[in-house]
C-alpha atoms as a PDB file:
ATOM      1  CA  MET A   1     124.300  50.667 138.684  1.00  0.00           C
ATOM      2  CA  LYS A   2     125.902  52.267 141.716  1.00  0.00           C
ATOM      3  CA  ARG A   3     124.924  55.847 142.621  1.00  0.00           C
ATOM      4  CA  ASN A   4     128.513  57.096 142.317  1.00  0.00           C
ATOM      5  CA  ASP A   5     129.102  55.351 138.988  1.00  0.00           C
ATOM      6  CA  PRO A   6     130.544  58.086 136.706  1.00  0.00           C
ATOM      7  CA  LYS A   7     128.270  56.940 133.904  1.00  0.00           C
ATOM      8  CA  GLY A   8     125.178  56.699 136.122  1.00  0.00           C
ATOM      9  CA  ILE A   9     122.443  59.300 135.724  1.00  0.00           C
ATOM     10  CA  ASP A  10     122.810  60.651 139.263  1.00  0.00           C
ATOM     11  CA  GLU A  11     126.536  61.247 138.977  1.00  0.00           C
ATOM     12  CA  ARG A  12     126.190  62.573 135.426  1.00  0.00           C
ATOM     13  CA  SER A  13     123.488  65.033 136.461  1.00  0.00           C
ATOM     14  CA  PHE A  14     125.600  66.263 139.385  1.00  0.00           C
ATOM     15  CA  ARG A  15     128.676  66.664 137.176  1.00  0.00           C
ATOM     16  CA  PHE A  16     126.548  68.453 134.600  1.00  0.00           C
ATOM     17  CA  TYR A  17     125.516  70.947 137.271  1.00  0.00           C
ATOM     18  CA  GLN A  18     129.127  71.487 138.340  1.00  0.00           C
ATOM     19  CA  ARG A  19     130.221  72.018 134.743  1.00  0.00           C
ATOM     20  CA  VAL A  20     127.393  74.492 134.131  1.00  0.00           C
ATOM     21  CA  LEU A  21     128.530  76.474 137.180  1.00  0.00           C
ATOM     22  CA  GLU A  22     132.029  76.585 135.682  1.00  0.00           C
ATOM     23  CA  PHE A  23     130.635  77.568 132.271  1.00  0.00           C
ATOM     24  CA  VAL A  24     128.528  80.469 133.526  1.00  0.00           C
ATOM     25  CA  GLU A  25     131.672  81.994 135.004  1.00  0.00           C
ATOM     26  CA  THR A  26     132.875  82.462 131.403  1.00  0.00           C
ATOM     27  CA  ILE A  27     129.807  84.572 130.551  1.00  0.00           C
ATOM     28  CA  PRO A  28     130.197  88.312 131.153  1.00  0.00           C
ATOM     29  CA  ASN A  29     127.984  89.169 134.135  1.00  0.00           C
ATOM     30  CA  GLU A  30     126.063  92.105 132.711  1.00  0.00           C
ATOM     31  CA  PRO A  31     122.481  93.250 133.175  1.00  0.00           C
ATOM     32  CA  LYS A  32     121.467  91.615 129.873  1.00  0.00           C
ATOM     33  CA  THR A  33     123.024  88.223 130.792  1.00  0.00           C
ATOM     34  CA  LYS A  34     122.269  88.074 134.521  1.00  0.00           C
ATOM     35  CA  ARG A  35     118.839  86.447 134.142  1.00  0.00           C
ATOM     36  CA  LEU A  36     120.102  83.916 131.600  1.00  0.00           C
ATOM     37  CA  ILE A  37     122.974  82.906 133.913  1.00  0.00           C
ATOM     38  CA  GLU A  38     120.570  82.492 136.842  1.00  0.00           C
ATOM     39  CA  GLN A  39     118.072  80.495 134.800  1.00  0.00           C
ATOM     40  CA  LEU A  40     120.733  78.179 133.350  1.00  0.00           C
ATOM     41  CA  ALA A  41     122.349  77.529 136.734  1.00  0.00           C
ATOM     42  CA  GLY A  42     118.934  76.953 138.298  1.00  0.00           C
ATOM     43  CA  SER A  43     117.695  74.525 135.666  1.00  0.00           C
ATOM     44  CA  ALA A  44     120.956  72.547 135.692  1.00  0.00           C
ATOM     45  CA  GLY A  45     120.849  72.300 139.477  1.00  0.00           C
ATOM     46  CA  SER A  46     117.235  71.190 139.331  1.00  0.00           C
ATOM     47  CA  VAL A  47     118.144  68.155 137.204  1.00  0.00           C
ATOM     48  CA  SER A  48     120.468  66.853 139.904  1.00  0.00           C
ATOM     49  CA  ALA A  49     118.247  67.886 142.833  1.00  0.00           C
ATOM     50  CA  ASN A  50     115.190  66.158 141.397  1.00  0.00           C
ATOM     51  CA  ARG A  51     117.148  62.989 140.682  1.00  0.00           C
ATOM     52  CA  GLU A  52     118.090  62.990 144.390  1.00  0.00           C
ATOM     53  CA  GLU A  53     114.408  63.362 145.292  1.00  0.00           C
ATOM     54  CA  ALA A  54     113.457  60.574 142.874  1.00  0.00           C
ATOM     55  CA  ALA A  55     115.965  58.218 144.464  1.00  0.00           C
ATOM     56  CA  SER A  56     114.473  58.815 147.895  1.00  0.00           C
ATOM     57  CA  GLY A  57     110.840  58.731 146.749  1.00  0.00           C
ATOM     58  CA  GLY A  58     108.526  56.440 148.641  1.00  0.00           C
ATOM     59  CA  SER A  59     106.604  55.154 145.633  1.00  0.00           C
ATOM     60  CA  ARG A  60     106.886  54.662 141.893  1.00  0.00           C
ATOM     61  CA  ARG A  61     104.513  57.590 141.469  1.00  0.00           C
ATOM     62  CA  GLU A  62     106.946  59.872 143.337  1.00  0.00           C
ATOM     63  CA  PHE A  63     109.875  58.350 141.454  1.00  0.00           C
ATOM     64  CA  ALA A  64     108.163  59.109 138.124  1.00  0.00           C
ATOM     65  CA  HIS A  65     107.126  62.602 139.223  1.00  0.00           C
ATOM     66  CA  PHE A  66     110.607  63.715 140.283  1.00  0.00           C
ATOM     67  CA  ASN A  67     112.132  62.246 137.126  1.00  0.00           C
ATOM     68  CA  GLU A  68     109.562  64.179 135.078  1.00  0.00           C
ATOM     69  CA  VAL A  69     110.610  67.392 136.831  1.00  0.00           C
ATOM     70  CA  ALA A  70     114.273  66.523 136.196  1.00  0.00           C
ATOM     71  CA  LEU A  71     113.410  65.944 132.522  1.00  0.00           C
ATOM     72  CA  ARG A  72     111.721  69.344 132.268  1.00  0.00           C
ATOM     73  CA  SER A  73     114.778  70.914 133.875  1.00  0.00           C
ATOM     74  CA  ALA A  74     117.111  69.163 131.422  1.00  0.00           C
ATOM     75  CA  ASN A  75     114.992  70.462 128.544  1.00  0.00           C
ATOM     76  CA  GLU A  76     115.082  73.953 130.043  1.00  0.00           C
ATOM     77  CA  SER A  77     118.873  73.686 130.317  1.00  0.00           C
ATOM     78  CA  VAL A  78     118.971  72.853 126.601  1.00  0.00           C
ATOM     79  CA  LYS A  79     116.991  76.018 125.879  1.00  0.00           C
ATOM     80  CA  TRP A  80     119.337  78.267 127.895  1.00  0.00           C
ATOM     81  CA  LEU A  81     122.442  76.630 126.442  1.00  0.00           C
ATOM     82  CA  ARG A  82     121.052  77.106 122.935  1.00  0.00           C
ATOM     83  CA  ALA A  83     120.539  80.768 123.768  1.00  0.00           C
ATOM     84  CA  CYS A  84     124.157  81.008 124.923  1.00  0.00           C
ATOM     85  CA  ALA A  85     125.349  79.317 121.746  1.00  0.00           C
ATOM     86  CA  GLY A  86     123.190  81.531 119.546  1.00  0.00           C
ATOM     87  CA  ARG A  87     124.426  84.713 121.228  1.00  0.00           C
ATOM     88  CA  ARG A  88     128.009  83.379 121.428  1.00  0.00           C
ATOM     89  CA  LEU A  89     128.081  83.818 125.187  1.00  0.00           C
ATOM     90  CA  GLY A  90     130.717  82.094 127.273  1.00  0.00           C
ATOM     91  CA  ASP A  91     133.293  79.528 126.262  1.00  0.00           C
ATOM     92  CA  ARG A  92     132.019  78.009 123.003  1.00  0.00           C
ATOM     93  CA  ARG A  93     133.631  74.603 123.501  1.00  0.00           C
ATOM     94  CA  GLN A  94     132.148  74.242 126.981  1.00  0.00           C
ATOM     95  CA  CYS A  95     128.766  75.387 125.711  1.00  0.00           C
ATOM     96  CA  THR A  96     128.749  72.830 122.903  1.00  0.00           C
ATOM     97  CA  GLU A  97     129.751  70.005 125.250  1.00  0.00           C
ATOM     98  CA  LEU A  98     127.149  71.015 127.838  1.00  0.00           C
ATOM     99  CA  LEU A  99     124.440  71.275 125.213  1.00  0.00           C
ATOM    100  CA  ASP A 100     125.217  67.732 124.077  1.00  0.00           C
ATOM    101  CA  GLU A 101     125.216  66.471 127.669  1.00  0.00           C
ATOM    102  CA  ALA A 102     121.915  68.211 128.466  1.00  0.00           C
ATOM    103  CA  ARG A 103     120.296  66.554 125.457  1.00  0.00           C
ATOM    104  CA  GLN A 104     121.676  63.152 126.482  1.00  0.00           C
ATOM    105  CA  LEU A 105     120.422  63.604 130.049  1.00  0.00           C
ATOM    106  CA  ALA A 106     116.991  64.532 128.703  1.00  0.00           C
ATOM    107  CA  ARG A 107     116.874  61.365 126.588  1.00  0.00           C
ATOM    108  CA  ILE A 108     117.915  59.200 129.548  1.00  0.00           C
ATOM    109  CA  LEU A 109     115.380  60.830 131.849  1.00  0.00           C
ATOM    110  CA  ALA A 110     112.615  60.450 129.268  1.00  0.00           C
ATOM    111  CA  LYS A 111     113.419  56.744 129.021  1.00  0.00           C
ATOM    112  CA  ILE A 112     113.314  56.407 132.831  1.00  0.00           C
ATOM    113  CA  VAL A 113     109.901  58.102 132.963  1.00  0.00           C
ATOM    114  CA  ILE A 114     108.488  56.015 130.116  1.00  0.00           C
ATOM    115  CA  THR A 115     109.811  52.752 131.566  1.00  0.00           C
ATOM    116  CA  THR A 116     108.570  53.563 135.065  1.00  0.00           C
ATOM    117  CA  LYS A 117     105.094  54.445 133.834  1.00  0.00           C
ATOM    118  CA  ALA A 118     104.968  51.366 131.615  1.00  0.00           C
ATOM    119  CA  LYS A 119     105.573  49.184 134.704  1.00  0.00           C
ATOM    120  CA  GLY A 120     102.781  50.943 136.588  1.00  0.00           C
ATOM    121  CA  LEU A 121     102.842  53.669 139.185  1.00  0.00           C
ATOM    122  CA  ASP A 122     101.655  51.526 142.082  1.00  0.00           C
ATOM    123  CA  GLY A 123     104.160  49.641 144.144  1.00  0.00           C
ATOM    124  CA  ALA A 124     107.636  50.048 145.566  1.00  0.00           C
ATOM    125  CA  PRO A 125     110.078  52.584 144.121  1.00  0.00           C
ATOM    126  CA  ARG A 126     112.554  51.561 141.464  1.00  0.00           C
ATOM    127  CA  SER A 127     116.115  52.728 141.436  1.00  0.00           C
ATOM    128  CA  THR A 128     117.880  53.667 138.227  1.00  0.00           C
END
């Protein structure tokens, strides 16, 4: 799969980050929401950033590690999006779509980690 393939994990994670940045602009920036906005934007950006690190990792161990961090970040994004949904913060349609995408990204990343570890952590990096 090519890195700029719109259905590829790298492109999807980058687009997810962009969409989260658009979504947080729909949340009123108040003292009680400021931390949530920062945490959501940070966790969404971390998914994409860690996928970039995984792709340039020098070993399978590094590849697995950065994908694990991306997975944790996707799961954290789910948590913050659930909080937004529960408090009815921001555009509801965008929130629902982003929550679904975050869960899908987490499933994909979990599969990458499991598959990579199953093949062993020694050896050349794998691209996904």
